[in-house]
Amino acid sequence: MKEITVQELKKMIDSKADFQLIDVREPHEYDACNIGGESIPQGEIPHNVDKISKTKQVVIHCRSGKRSSNMISWLEKNAGMTNLYNLTGGIMEWAKEIDPTMTVS
């Protein structure tokens, strides 16, 4: 599985790179704090595969990296996608390394 660090993601955001960012946490988690990604909770991924780009780089994240890793494995196996990257450490790592003012529950 391909991974990306929070520092690499920050550079992509700052440079306005053309990629898709997907947050697979639950809506209440997303509402509490997010980094601007599209909210598609993990349970809805199988029903929303068509919303995930097959041509752009797609970064998928959750709280710590476990749920996003599971969803990437599922998408690679069931949808044949090869353009997916897991955010190492998830939003917890983002809060720690990039935005220490962010509160992650």
N, C-alpha and C. Protein backbone atom coordinates (compact mmCIF):
# COMPACT_ATOMS: atom_id res chain seq x y z
N MET A 1 0.84 -1.19 0.00
CA MET A 1 0.00 0.00 0.00
C MET A 1 0.88 1.24 0.00
N LYS A 2 0.52 2.18 -0.85
CA LYS A 2 1.27 3.43 -0.92
C LYS A 2 0.83 4.34 0.22
N GLU A 3 1.79 5.05 0.78
CA GLU A 3 1.48 5.96 1.88
C GLU A 3 2.06 7.33 1.59
N ILE A 4 1.51 8.32 2.28
CA ILE A 4 1.98 9.69 2.16
C ILE A 4 2.05 10.27 3.57
N THR A 5 3.05 11.09 3.84
CA THR A 5 3.19 11.70 5.16
C THR A 5 2.36 12.99 5.23
N VAL A 6 2.12 13.45 6.44
CA VAL A 6 1.37 14.71 6.60
C VAL A 6 2.15 15.87 5.99
N GLN A 7 3.49 15.83 6.06
CA GLN A 7 4.30 16.89 5.46
C GLN A 7 4.13 16.89 3.93
N GLU A 8 4.11 15.71 3.33
CA GLU A 8 3.91 15.62 1.87
C GLU A 8 2.52 16.12 1.48
N LEU A 9 1.52 15.76 2.29
CA LEU A 9 0.15 16.22 2.01
C LEU A 9 0.07 17.74 2.14
N LYS A 10 0.69 18.30 3.14
CA LYS A 10 0.69 19.76 3.34
C LYS A 10 1.28 20.45 2.11
N LYS A 11 2.38 19.92 1.58
CA LYS A 11 2.99 20.50 0.37
C LYS A 11 2.03 20.43 -0.81
N MET A 12 1.33 19.31 -0.94
CA MET A 12 0.36 19.16 -2.03
C MET A 12 -0.77 20.19 -1.90
N ILE A 13 -1.26 20.39 -0.69
CA ILE A 13 -2.34 21.36 -0.45
C ILE A 13 -1.83 22.77 -0.74
N ASP A 14 -0.66 23.10 -0.21
CA ASP A 14 -0.10 24.44 -0.39
C ASP A 14 0.19 24.77 -1.85
N SER A 15 0.59 23.76 -2.62
CA SER A 15 0.91 23.98 -4.04
C SER A 15 -0.33 23.86 -4.93
N LYS A 16 -1.48 23.62 -4.29
CA LYS A 16 -2.75 23.47 -5.01
C LYS A 16 -2.66 22.36 -6.07
N ALA A 17 -2.01 21.27 -5.70
CA ALA A 17 -1.90 20.11 -6.58
C ALA A 17 -3.30 19.57 -6.90
N ASP A 18 -3.43 18.94 -8.04
CA ASP A 18 -4.72 18.38 -8.47
C ASP A 18 -4.82 16.95 -7.95
N PHE A 19 -5.46 16.79 -6.80
CA PHE A 19 -5.64 15.47 -6.19
C PHE A 19 -6.95 15.47 -5.44
N GLN A 20 -7.38 14.29 -5.01
CA GLN A 20 -8.62 14.16 -4.24
C GLN A 20 -8.26 13.72 -2.83
N LEU A 21 -8.85 14.37 -1.84
CA LEU A 21 -8.63 14.04 -0.44
C LEU A 21 -9.96 13.53 0.12
N ILE A 22 -9.93 12.33 0.67
CA ILE A 22 -11.15 11.71 1.20
C ILE A 22 -10.95 11.35 2.67
N ASP A 23 -11.91 11.76 3.48
CA ASP A 23 -11.92 11.50 4.92
C ASP A 23 -12.97 10.41 5.17
N VAL A 24 -12.52 9.24 5.66
CA VAL A 24 -13.45 8.12 5.87
C VAL A 24 -13.96 8.00 7.31
N ARG A 25 -13.71 9.03 8.12
CA ARG A 25 -14.23 9.01 9.49
C ARG A 25 -15.74 9.24 9.47
N GLU A 26 -16.38 9.02 10.59
CA GLU A 26 -17.81 9.21 10.73
C GLU A 26 -18.15 10.71 10.71
N PRO A 27 -19.38 11.08 10.32
CA PRO A 27 -19.75 12.49 10.21
C PRO A 27 -19.48 13.32 11.46
N HIS A 28 -19.74 12.77 12.65
CA HIS A 28 -19.50 13.55 13.87
C HIS A 28 -18.00 13.82 14.06
N GLU A 29 -17.14 12.90 13.62
CA GLU A 29 -15.71 13.11 13.71
C GLU A 29 -15.28 14.21 12.74
N TYR A 30 -15.82 14.14 11.52
CA TYR A 30 -15.52 15.13 10.49
C TYR A 30 -15.97 16.51 10.94
N ASP A 31 -17.18 16.59 11.52
CA ASP A 31 -17.71 17.88 11.97
C ASP A 31 -16.87 18.48 13.08
N ALA A 32 -16.28 17.65 13.93
CA ALA A 32 -15.46 18.13 15.04
C ALA A 32 -14.16 18.76 14.55
N CYS A 33 -13.54 18.17 13.54
CA CYS A 33 -12.32 18.71 12.95
C CYS A 33 -12.06 18.01 11.63
N ASN A 34 -11.57 18.77 10.65
CA ASN A 34 -11.22 18.16 9.37
C ASN A 34 -10.19 19.01 8.66
N ILE A 35 -9.60 18.46 7.62
CA ILE A 35 -8.58 19.18 6.86
C ILE A 35 -9.05 19.47 5.44
N GLY A 36 -10.36 19.54 5.29
CA GLY A 36 -10.93 19.96 4.03
C GLY A 36 -11.18 18.87 3.01
N GLY A 37 -11.04 17.63 3.42
CA GLY A 37 -11.30 16.54 2.49
C GLY A 37 -12.78 16.29 2.30
N GLU A 38 -13.10 15.48 1.33
CA GLU A 38 -14.47 15.08 1.07
C GLU A 38 -14.84 13.99 2.07
N SER A 39 -15.97 14.15 2.74
CA SER A 39 -16.40 13.17 3.74
C SER A 39 -17.18 12.03 3.08
N ILE A 40 -16.56 10.84 3.09
CA ILE A 40 -17.25 9.61 2.67
C ILE A 40 -16.94 8.58 3.75
N PRO A 41 -17.81 8.45 4.77
CA PRO A 41 -17.56 7.50 5.86
C PRO A 41 -17.27 6.10 5.33
N GLN A 42 -16.43 5.36 6.05
CA GLN A 42 -15.98 4.05 5.55
C GLN A 42 -17.14 3.13 5.17
N GLY A 43 -18.23 3.15 5.90
CA GLY A 43 -19.35 2.29 5.60
C GLY A 43 -20.05 2.65 4.29
N GLU A 44 -19.81 3.87 3.80
CA GLU A 44 -20.44 4.31 2.56
C GLU A 44 -19.53 4.16 1.35
N ILE A 45 -18.27 3.84 1.57
CA ILE A 45 -17.32 3.71 0.46
C ILE A 45 -17.81 2.72 -0.60
N PRO A 46 -18.25 1.50 -0.23
CA PRO A 46 -18.68 0.56 -1.27
C PRO A 46 -19.81 1.09 -2.17
N HIS A 47 -20.63 2.00 -1.65
CA HIS A 47 -21.75 2.54 -2.40
C HIS A 47 -21.39 3.84 -3.12
N ASN A 48 -20.15 4.31 -2.93
CA ASN A 48 -19.74 5.59 -3.51
C ASN A 48 -18.42 5.49 -4.28
N VAL A 49 -18.11 4.32 -4.78
CA VAL A 49 -16.87 4.12 -5.53
C VAL A 49 -16.80 5.09 -6.71
N ASP A 50 -17.95 5.39 -7.31
CA ASP A 50 -17.99 6.28 -8.47
C ASP A 50 -17.59 7.72 -8.12
N LYS A 51 -17.59 8.08 -6.84
CA LYS A 51 -17.18 9.42 -6.42
C LYS A 51 -15.67 9.54 -6.25
N ILE A 52 -14.96 8.41 -6.33
CA ILE A 52 -13.51 8.39 -6.12
C ILE A 52 -12.82 8.39 -7.48
N SER A 53 -11.93 9.36 -7.67
CA SER A 53 -11.24 9.50 -8.95
C SER A 53 -10.41 8.27 -9.28
N LYS A 54 -10.45 7.89 -10.53
CA LYS A 54 -9.61 6.79 -10.99
C LYS A 54 -8.38 7.32 -11.73
N THR A 55 -8.34 8.64 -11.95
CA THR A 55 -7.24 9.22 -12.72
C THR A 55 -6.31 10.09 -11.88
N LYS A 56 -6.84 10.77 -10.89
CA LYS A 56 -6.01 11.63 -10.02
C LYS A 56 -5.42 10.82 -8.87
N GLN A 57 -4.40 11.39 -8.24
CA GLN A 57 -3.91 10.82 -6.98
C GLN A 57 -5.00 11.04 -5.94
N VAL A 58 -5.30 9.99 -5.17
CA VAL A 58 -6.33 10.07 -4.14
C VAL A 58 -5.69 9.75 -2.79
N VAL A 59 -5.79 10.71 -1.86
CA VAL A 59 -5.28 10.52 -0.51
C VAL A 59 -6.49 10.25 0.39
N ILE A 60 -6.45 9.11 1.09
CA ILE A 60 -7.54 8.73 1.97
C ILE A 60 -7.02 8.74 3.40
N HIS A 61 -7.81 9.33 4.30
CA HIS A 61 -7.36 9.38 5.70
C HIS A 61 -8.51 9.16 6.66
N CYS A 62 -8.12 8.85 7.90
CA CYS A 62 -9.08 8.70 9.00
C CYS A 62 -8.44 9.33 10.23
N ARG A 63 -8.72 8.79 11.39
CA ARG A 63 -8.16 9.33 12.63
C ARG A 63 -6.69 8.97 12.79
N SER A 64 -6.37 7.68 12.59
CA SER A 64 -5.00 7.23 12.84
C SER A 64 -4.35 6.51 11.66
N GLY A 65 -5.15 6.13 10.68
CA GLY A 65 -4.63 5.43 9.51
C GLY A 65 -5.14 4.02 9.33
N LYS A 66 -5.83 3.47 10.33
CA LYS A 66 -6.30 2.08 10.25
C LYS A 66 -7.52 1.94 9.33
N ARG A 67 -8.55 2.76 9.56
CA ARG A 67 -9.76 2.67 8.72
C ARG A 67 -9.45 3.00 7.26
N SER A 68 -8.63 4.04 7.05
CA SER A 68 -8.29 4.40 5.67
C SER A 68 -7.49 3.29 5.00
N SER A 69 -6.61 2.66 5.74
CA SER A 69 -5.84 1.53 5.22
C SER A 69 -6.78 0.40 4.80
N ASN A 70 -7.76 0.09 5.64
CA ASN A 70 -8.74 -0.95 5.33
C ASN A 70 -9.54 -0.61 4.07
N MET A 71 -9.92 0.66 3.93
CA MET A 71 -10.71 1.08 2.78
C MET A 71 -9.87 1.04 1.49
N ILE A 72 -8.61 1.41 1.60
CA ILE A 72 -7.72 1.34 0.43
C ILE A 72 -7.57 -0.11 0.00
N SER A 73 -7.35 -1.00 0.94
CA SER A 73 -7.24 -2.43 0.61
C SER A 73 -8.50 -2.91 -0.09
N TRP A 74 -9.66 -2.51 0.42
CA TRP A 74 -10.94 -2.91 -0.18
C TRP A 74 -11.06 -2.37 -1.60
N LEU A 75 -10.74 -1.08 -1.78
CA LEU A 75 -10.86 -0.46 -3.11
C LEU A 75 -9.88 -1.06 -4.11
N GLU A 76 -8.67 -1.36 -3.66
CA GLU A 76 -7.70 -1.98 -4.56
C GLU A 76 -8.18 -3.37 -5.00
N LYS A 77 -8.73 -4.11 -4.06
CA LYS A 77 -9.18 -5.48 -4.35
C LYS A 77 -10.48 -5.50 -5.16
N ASN A 78 -11.44 -4.68 -4.78
CA ASN A 78 -12.78 -4.75 -5.36
C ASN A 78 -13.04 -3.79 -6.52
N ALA A 79 -12.27 -2.71 -6.59
CA ALA A 79 -12.48 -1.73 -7.66
C ALA A 79 -11.26 -1.62 -8.57
N GLY A 80 -10.20 -2.36 -8.23
CA GLY A 80 -9.01 -2.36 -9.06
C GLY A 80 -8.25 -1.04 -9.10
N MET A 81 -8.43 -0.22 -8.09
CA MET A 81 -7.81 1.11 -8.07
C MET A 81 -6.33 1.00 -7.68
N THR A 82 -5.51 1.82 -8.33
CA THR A 82 -4.07 1.80 -8.06
C THR A 82 -3.52 3.19 -7.74
N ASN A 83 -4.39 4.18 -7.63
CA ASN A 83 -3.98 5.57 -7.44
C ASN A 83 -4.26 6.08 -6.02
N LEU A 84 -4.30 5.16 -5.05
CA LEU A 84 -4.69 5.49 -3.68
C LEU A 84 -3.49 5.56 -2.75
N TYR A 85 -3.53 6.55 -1.84
CA TYR A 85 -2.45 6.74 -0.86
C TYR A 85 -3.07 6.89 0.52
N ASN A 86 -2.52 6.19 1.49
CA ASN A 86 -2.98 6.28 2.87
C ASN A 86 -2.17 7.36 3.58
N LEU A 87 -2.86 8.24 4.31
CA LEU A 87 -2.18 9.27 5.09
C LEU A 87 -1.64 8.64 6.38
N THR A 88 -0.33 8.52 6.46
CA THR A 88 0.32 7.90 7.61
C THR A 88 -0.02 8.66 8.89
N GLY A 89 -0.60 7.96 9.87
CA GLY A 89 -0.92 8.59 11.16
C GLY A 89 -2.23 9.33 11.18
N GLY A 90 -2.87 9.49 10.02
CA GLY A 90 -4.17 10.13 9.95
C GLY A 90 -4.21 11.55 10.46
N ILE A 91 -5.41 11.97 10.84
CA ILE A 91 -5.60 13.35 11.28
C ILE A 91 -4.92 13.60 12.63
N MET A 92 -4.68 12.54 13.40
CA MET A 92 -3.95 12.71 14.67
C MET A 92 -2.52 13.18 14.38
N GLU A 93 -1.89 12.61 13.37
CA GLU A 93 -0.55 13.02 12.99
C GLU A 93 -0.56 14.43 12.41
N TRP A 94 -1.59 14.77 11.65
CA TRP A 94 -1.74 16.11 11.09
C TRP A 94 -1.80 17.12 12.25
N ALA A 95 -2.62 16.83 13.25
CA ALA A 95 -2.77 17.74 14.39
C ALA A 95 -1.44 17.88 15.15
N LYS A 96 -0.71 16.80 15.25
CA LYS A 96 0.56 16.81 15.98
C LYS A 96 1.65 17.58 15.22
N GLU A 97 1.76 17.30 13.91
CA GLU A 97 2.87 17.83 13.13
C GLU A 97 2.58 19.13 12.38
N ILE A 98 1.34 19.32 11.93
CA ILE A 98 1.02 20.45 11.05
C ILE A 98 0.18 21.52 11.76
N ASP A 99 -0.86 21.13 12.48
CA ASP A 99 -1.76 22.09 13.11
C ASP A 99 -2.02 21.71 14.56
N PRO A 100 -1.11 22.12 15.45
CA PRO A 100 -1.26 21.75 16.87
C PRO A 100 -2.46 22.40 17.55
N THR A 101 -3.13 23.37 16.89
CA THR A 101 -4.32 23.97 17.49
C THR A 101 -5.55 23.10 17.27
N MET A 102 -5.44 22.10 16.39
CA MET A 102 -6.56 21.22 16.09
C MET A 102 -6.80 20.24 17.23
N THR A 103 -8.06 20.10 17.62
CA THR A 103 -8.43 19.15 18.65
C THR A 103 -9.04 17.92 18.00
N VAL A 104 -8.41 16.77 18.22
CA VAL A 104 -8.92 15.52 17.66
C VAL A 104 -9.39 14.66 18.82
N SER A 105 -10.67 14.25 18.77
CA SER A 105 -11.20 13.43 19.88
C SER A 105 -11.02 11.97 19.58
